């Protein structure tokens, strides 16, 4: 199985589309509940990593202007919900691959503070398209520094745990692929 990891929005592990399609099809043929078992096992294995990442996100707004009583939509800080997804049917950005497991932080409007502050200043060109606005520059100055150029709260922590998450996903996929292999060999 080809391995590829990806970060941003949906960090995770992806495999070759052909390999995954065969495993999922044969699991369904072997026992329709095996796919559900695969999903459940994948989520429960990766969930501790997701919870650990969530614990690195501050509960209070890093800047007073993002506090719920002071902030205006979408600039409100709330600790997001975290979920582990197994989006087997979705295509990854690289053709011929499918994501296997991902960790998502839900901080949609009106609570998009984490999304805004995690990478603030990395690609902002401001209103004039010539650089940061004075307000944006002041906001970035008052934020914690980006760690390793990756982000402030979640992304650097994920990079440190990425190998562990990949190892868990591969182990679980191998376990279920062996069940399929026994079926295909007739043993």
C-alpha atoms as a PDB file:
ATOM      1  CA  UNK A   1       0.000   0.000   0.000  1.00  0.00           C
ATOM      2  CA  UNK A   2       1.273   3.443  -0.861  1.00  0.00           C
ATOM      3  CA  UNK A   3       1.498   5.823   2.040  1.00  0.00           C
ATOM      4  CA  UNK A   4       1.010   9.546   1.862  1.00  0.00           C
ATOM      5  CA  UNK A   5       0.319  11.871   4.733  1.00  0.00           C
ATOM      6  CA  UNK A   6      -1.289  15.242   4.403  1.00  0.00           C
ATOM      7  CA  UNK A   7      -1.893  18.237   6.632  1.00  0.00           C
ATOM      8  CA  UNK A   8      -4.273  21.135   6.536  1.00  0.00           C
ATOM      9  CA  UNK A   9      -7.958  20.890   7.231  1.00  0.00           C
ATOM     10  CA  UNK A  10      -7.870  17.119   7.150  1.00  0.00           C
ATOM     11  CA  UNK A  11      -4.564  15.749   8.339  1.00  0.00           C
ATOM     12  CA  UNK A  12      -4.388  12.030   7.859  1.00  0.00           C
ATOM     13  CA  UNK A  13      -3.261   8.928   6.044  1.00  0.00           C
ATOM     14  CA  UNK A  14      -4.182   7.895   2.483  1.00  0.00           C
ATOM     15  CA  UNK A  15      -3.682   4.682   0.506  1.00  0.00           C
ATOM     16  CA  UNK A  16      -3.873   3.602  -3.110  1.00  0.00           C
ATOM     17  CA  UNK A  17      -7.423   3.622  -4.409  1.00  0.00           C
ATOM     18  CA  UNK A  18      -7.102   0.151  -5.903  1.00  0.00           C
ATOM     19  CA  UNK A  19      -5.855  -1.446  -2.674  1.00  0.00           C
ATOM     20  CA  UNK A  20      -8.498   0.230  -0.538  1.00  0.00           C
ATOM     21  CA  UNK A  21     -11.295  -0.571  -2.970  1.00  0.00           C
ATOM     22  CA  UNK A  22     -10.359  -4.262  -2.962  1.00  0.00           C
ATOM     23  CA  UNK A  23     -10.137  -4.423   0.829  1.00  0.00           C
ATOM     24  CA  UNK A  24     -13.475  -2.627   1.347  1.00  0.00           C
ATOM     25  CA  UNK A  25     -15.279  -4.696  -1.291  1.00  0.00           C
ATOM     26  CA  UNK A  26     -13.995  -7.976   0.100  1.00  0.00           C
ATOM     27  CA  UNK A  27     -14.784  -6.953   3.675  1.00  0.00           C
ATOM     28  CA  UNK A  28     -18.364  -6.324   2.576  1.00  0.00           C
ATOM     29  CA  UNK A  29     -18.506  -9.700   0.823  1.00  0.00           C
ATOM     30  CA  UNK A  30     -17.000 -11.489   3.815  1.00  0.00           C
ATOM     31  CA  UNK A  31     -19.284  -9.835   6.364  1.00  0.00           C
ATOM     32  CA  UNK A  32     -21.148  -6.527   5.929  1.00  0.00           C
ATOM     33  CA  UNK A  33     -20.379  -5.584   9.533  1.00  0.00           C
ATOM     34  CA  UNK A  34     -16.604  -5.830   9.026  1.00  0.00           C
ATOM     35  CA  UNK A  35     -16.472  -2.395   7.389  1.00  0.00           C
ATOM     36  CA  UNK A  36     -18.289  -0.928  10.390  1.00  0.00           C
ATOM     37  CA  UNK A  37     -15.820  -2.732  12.630  1.00  0.00           C
ATOM     38  CA  UNK A  38     -12.917  -1.269  10.614  1.00  0.00           C
ATOM     39  CA  UNK A  39     -14.335   2.255  10.967  1.00  0.00           C
ATOM     40  CA  UNK A  40     -14.951   1.810  14.689  1.00  0.00           C
ATOM     41  CA  UNK A  41     -11.469   0.433  15.323  1.00  0.00           C
ATOM     42  CA  UNK A  42      -9.808   3.185  13.261  1.00  0.00           C
ATOM     43  CA  UNK A  43     -11.697   5.916  15.110  1.00  0.00           C
ATOM     44  CA  UNK A  44     -11.016   4.481  18.558  1.00  0.00           C
ATOM     45  CA  UNK A  45      -7.292   4.071  17.792  1.00  0.00           C
ATOM     46  CA  UNK A  46      -6.835   7.648  16.525  1.00  0.00           C
ATOM     47  CA  UNK A  47      -9.207   9.324  19.001  1.00  0.00           C
ATOM     48  CA  UNK A  48      -6.571   9.638  21.801  1.00  0.00           C
ATOM     49  CA  UNK A  49      -4.324  11.555  19.391  1.00  0.00           C
ATOM     50  CA  UNK A  50      -7.227  13.843  18.484  1.00  0.00           C
ATOM     51  CA  UNK A  51      -8.033  14.471  22.160  1.00  0.00           C
ATOM     52  CA  UNK A  52      -4.376  15.229  22.866  1.00  0.00           C
ATOM     53  CA  UNK A  53      -4.325  17.759  20.008  1.00  0.00           C
ATOM     54  CA  UNK A  54      -7.500  19.331  21.368  1.00  0.00           C
ATOM     55  CA  UNK A  55      -5.872  19.728  24.778  1.00  0.00           C
ATOM     56  CA  UNK A  56      -3.229  22.009  23.190  1.00  0.00           C
ATOM     57  CA  UNK A  57      -5.847  24.540  22.126  1.00  0.00           C
ATOM     58  CA  UNK A  58      -6.378  27.253  24.745  1.00  0.00           C
ATOM     59  CA  UNK A  59      -9.837  27.458  26.274  1.00  0.00           C
ATOM     60  CA  UNK A  60      -9.619  31.243  26.573  1.00  0.00           C
ATOM     61  CA  UNK A  61      -9.163  33.502  23.552  1.00  0.00           C
ATOM     62  CA  UNK A  62      -5.466  34.303  22.941  1.00  0.00           C
ATOM     63  CA  UNK A  63      -6.495  37.886  22.097  1.00  0.00           C
ATOM     64  CA  UNK A  64      -9.150  39.875  23.937  1.00  0.00           C
ATOM     65  CA  UNK A  65     -10.847  40.897  20.686  1.00  0.00           C
ATOM     66  CA  UNK A  66     -11.710  37.240  20.050  1.00  0.00           C
ATOM     67  CA  UNK A  67     -13.437  36.718  23.401  1.00  0.00           C
ATOM     68  CA  UNK A  68     -17.114  35.765  22.961  1.00  0.00           C
ATOM     69  CA  UNK A  69     -18.437  38.964  24.548  1.00  0.00           C
ATOM     70  CA  UNK A  70     -16.066  41.232  22.562  1.00  0.00           C
ATOM     71  CA  UNK A  71     -15.682  39.400  19.261  1.00  0.00           C
ATOM     72  CA  UNK A  72     -17.856  39.770  16.242  1.00  0.00           C
ATOM     73  CA  UNK A  73     -18.585  37.001  13.761  1.00  0.00           C
ATOM     74  CA  UNK A  74     -16.395  35.275  12.546  1.00  0.00           C
ATOM     75  CA  UNK A  75     -13.883  36.466  15.113  1.00  0.00           C
ATOM     76  CA  UNK A  76     -15.149  34.571  18.139  1.00  0.00           C
ATOM     77  CA  UNK A  77     -12.980  32.094  20.025  1.00  0.00           C
ATOM     78  CA  UNK A  78     -14.497  28.913  21.308  1.00  0.00           C
ATOM     79  CA  UNK A  79     -12.648  25.683  21.843  1.00  0.00           C
ATOM     80  CA  UNK A  80     -13.714  23.585  18.848  1.00  0.00           C
ATOM     81  CA  UNK A  81     -15.124  20.095  18.841  1.00  0.00           C
ATOM     82  CA  UNK A  82     -12.804  17.418  17.536  1.00  0.00           C
ATOM     83  CA  UNK A  83     -13.826  14.375  15.554  1.00  0.00           C
ATOM     84  CA  UNK A  84     -12.063  11.498  13.868  1.00  0.00           C
ATOM     85  CA  UNK A  85     -13.377  10.754  10.379  1.00  0.00           C
ATOM     86  CA  UNK A  86     -12.877   7.774   8.109  1.00  0.00           C
ATOM     87  CA  UNK A  87     -13.763   9.244   4.712  1.00  0.00           C
ATOM     88  CA  UNK A  88     -13.075   6.107   2.655  1.00  0.00           C
ATOM     89  CA  UNK A  89     -15.282   7.182  -0.246  1.00  0.00           C
ATOM     90  CA  UNK A  90     -13.734  10.633  -0.790  1.00  0.00           C
ATOM     91  CA  UNK A  91     -10.863  11.210  -3.160  1.00  0.00           C
ATOM     92  CA  UNK A  92      -7.681  12.771  -1.843  1.00  0.00           C
ATOM     93  CA  UNK A  93      -5.969  15.569  -3.721  1.00  0.00           C
ATOM     94  CA  UNK A  94      -3.534  13.115  -5.321  1.00  0.00           C
ATOM     95  CA  UNK A  95      -5.298  11.163  -8.061  1.00  0.00           C
ATOM     96  CA  UNK A  96      -5.810   7.478  -7.344  1.00  0.00           C
ATOM     97  CA  UNK A  97      -5.690   7.779  -3.554  1.00  0.00           C
ATOM     98  CA  UNK A  98      -8.348   7.840  -0.879  1.00  0.00           C
ATOM     99  CA  UNK A  99      -8.081   9.200   2.644  1.00  0.00           C
ATOM    100  CA  UNK A 100      -8.262   6.564   5.367  1.00  0.00           C
ATOM    101  CA  UNK A 101      -8.502   8.564   8.574  1.00  0.00           C
ATOM    102  CA  UNK A 102      -8.490  12.256   9.441  1.00  0.00           C
ATOM    103  CA  UNK A 103      -8.822  14.516  12.451  1.00  0.00           C
ATOM    104  CA  UNK A 104     -11.148  17.502  12.125  1.00  0.00           C
ATOM    105  CA  UNK A 105     -11.678  20.495  14.361  1.00  0.00           C
ATOM    106  CA  UNK A 106     -15.107  22.056  13.946  1.00  0.00           C
ATOM    107  CA  UNK A 107     -14.891  25.785  14.557  1.00  0.00           C
ATOM    108  CA  UNK A 108     -17.229  27.095  11.899  1.00  0.00           C
ATOM    109  CA  UNK A 109     -18.820  30.496  12.064  1.00  0.00           C
ATOM    110  CA  UNK A 110     -19.538  32.194  14.323  1.00  0.00           C
ATOM    111  CA  UNK A 111     -16.708  30.480  16.233  1.00  0.00           C
ATOM    112  CA  UNK A 112     -13.934  30.506  13.624  1.00  0.00           C
ATOM    113  CA  UNK A 113     -11.267  31.919  15.933  1.00  0.00           C
ATOM    114  CA  UNK A 114      -9.017  28.841  15.792  1.00  0.00           C
ATOM    115  CA  UNK A 115      -9.022  28.749  11.996  1.00  0.00           C
ATOM    116  CA  UNK A 116      -8.150  32.422  11.842  1.00  0.00           C
ATOM    117  CA  UNK A 117      -5.459  32.478  14.505  1.00  0.00           C
ATOM    118  CA  UNK A 118      -3.751  29.130  13.791  1.00  0.00           C
ATOM    119  CA  UNK A 119      -2.178  30.406  10.575  1.00  0.00           C
ATOM    120  CA  UNK A 120      -2.673  34.178  10.850  1.00  0.00           C
ATOM    121  CA  UNK A 121      -0.092  36.020   8.817  1.00  0.00           C
ATOM    122  CA  UNK A 122       1.085  33.147   6.634  1.00  0.00           C
ATOM    123  CA  UNK A 123      -0.679  34.172   3.428  1.00  0.00           C
ATOM    124  CA  UNK A 124      -2.481  37.418   4.231  1.00  0.00           C
ATOM    125  CA  UNK A 125      -1.793  40.204   1.791  1.00  0.00           C
ATOM    126  CA  UNK A 126      -4.193  42.705   3.335  1.00  0.00           C
ATOM    127  CA  UNK A 127      -6.762  44.949   1.728  1.00  0.00           C
ATOM    128  CA  UNK A 128      -4.334  46.647  -0.600  1.00  0.00           C
ATOM    129  CA  UNK A 129      -2.829  43.305  -1.722  1.00  0.00           C
ATOM    130  CA  UNK A 130       0.557  44.772  -0.823  1.00  0.00           C
ATOM    131  CA  UNK A 131       0.916  43.421   2.701  1.00  0.00           C
ATOM    132  CA  UNK A 132      -0.728  43.180   6.096  1.00  0.00           C
ATOM    133  CA  UNK A 133      -3.022  45.922   7.251  1.00  0.00           C
ATOM    134  CA  UNK A 134      -1.823  47.731  10.389  1.00  0.00           C
ATOM    135  CA  UNK A 135      -4.567  45.964  12.379  1.00  0.00           C
ATOM    136  CA  UNK A 136      -3.499  42.578  11.034  1.00  0.00           C
ATOM    137  CA  UNK A 137       0.160  43.244  11.819  1.00  0.00           C
ATOM    138  CA  UNK A 138      -0.756  44.261  15.383  1.00  0.00           C
ATOM    139  CA  UNK A 139      -2.862  41.118  15.811  1.00  0.00           C
ATOM    140  CA  UNK A 140       0.003  38.891  14.685  1.00  0.00           C
ATOM    141  CA  UNK A 141       2.469  40.686  16.977  1.00  0.00           C
ATOM    142  CA  UNK A 142       0.219  39.929  19.951  1.00  0.00           C
ATOM    143  CA  UNK A 143      -0.284  36.249  19.112  1.00  0.00           C
ATOM    144  CA  UNK A 144       2.003  33.457  20.285  1.00  0.00           C
ATOM    145  CA  UNK A 145       4.788  32.885  17.767  1.00  0.00           C
ATOM    146  CA  UNK A 146       4.285  30.215  15.133  1.00  0.00           C
ATOM    147  CA  UNK A 147       6.134  27.045  16.036  1.00  0.00           C
ATOM    148  CA  UNK A 148       8.447  25.700  13.368  1.00  0.00           C
ATOM    149  CA  UNK A 149       6.582  27.838  10.830  1.00  0.00           C
ATOM    150  CA  UNK A 150       3.655  25.406  10.889  1.00  0.00           C
ATOM    151  CA  UNK A 151       1.020  26.987  13.093  1.00  0.00           C
ATOM    152  CA  UNK A 152       0.413  28.000  16.681  1.00  0.00           C
ATOM    153  CA  UNK A 153      -1.784  25.414  18.384  1.00  0.00           C
ATOM    154  CA  UNK A 154      -2.586  22.234  16.418  1.00  0.00           C
ATOM    155  CA  UNK A 155      -0.431  21.757  13.320  1.00  0.00           C
ATOM    156  CA  UNK A 156       2.995  21.591  15.051  1.00  0.00           C
ATOM    157  CA  UNK A 157       1.587  19.106  17.576  1.00  0.00           C
ATOM    158  CA  UNK A 158       0.093  16.988  14.791  1.00  0.00           C
ATOM    159  CA  UNK A 159       3.421  16.884  12.950  1.00  0.00           C
ATOM    160  CA  UNK A 160       4.976  15.339  16.074  1.00  0.00           C
ATOM    161  CA  UNK A 161       2.193  12.706  16.295  1.00  0.00           C
ATOM    162  CA  UNK A 162       1.807  12.056  12.573  1.00  0.00           C
ATOM    163  CA  UNK A 163       4.065   8.995  12.512  1.00  0.00           C
ATOM    164  CA  UNK A 164       2.139   7.420  15.392  1.00  0.00           C
ATOM    165  CA  UNK A 165      -1.226   8.042  13.680  1.00  0.00           C
ATOM    166  CA  UNK A 166       0.085   6.578  10.430  1.00  0.00           C
ATOM    167  CA  UNK A 167       1.467   3.521  12.237  1.00  0.00           C
ATOM    168  CA  UNK A 168      -1.928   2.915  13.906  1.00  0.00           C
ATOM    169  CA  UNK A 169      -3.813   3.271  10.615  1.00  0.00           C
ATOM    170  CA  UNK A 170      -1.436   0.943   8.769  1.00  0.00           C
ATOM    171  CA  UNK A 171      -1.640  -1.670  11.542  1.00  0.00           C
ATOM    172  CA  UNK A 172      -5.444  -1.647  11.460  1.00  0.00           C
ATOM    173  CA  UNK A 173      -5.622  -1.738   7.657  1.00  0.00           C
ATOM    174  CA  UNK A 174      -3.132  -4.608   7.587  1.00  0.00           C
ATOM    175  CA  UNK A 175      -5.233  -6.513  10.125  1.00  0.00           C
ATOM    176  CA  UNK A 176      -8.350  -6.177   7.977  1.00  0.00           C
ATOM    177  CA  UNK A 177      -6.426  -6.790   4.741  1.00  0.00           C
ATOM    178  CA  UNK A 178      -5.237 -10.092   6.223  1.00  0.00           C
ATOM    179  CA  UNK A 179      -8.863 -11.100   6.782  1.00  0.00           C
ATOM    180  CA  UNK A 180      -9.549 -10.306   3.131  1.00  0.00           C
ATOM    181  CA  UNK A 181      -6.390 -12.129   2.054  1.00  0.00           C
ATOM    182  CA  UNK A 182      -7.505 -15.295   3.854  1.00  0.00           C
ATOM    183  CA  UNK A 183     -10.854 -15.068   2.092  1.00  0.00           C
ATOM    184  CA  UNK A 184      -9.254 -14.562  -1.334  1.00  0.00           C
ATOM    185  CA  UNK A 185      -6.880 -17.511  -0.746  1.00  0.00           C
ATOM    186  CA  UNK A 186      -9.784 -19.631   0.536  1.00  0.00           C
ATOM    187  CA  UNK A 187      -8.255 -20.354   3.950  1.00  0.00           C
END
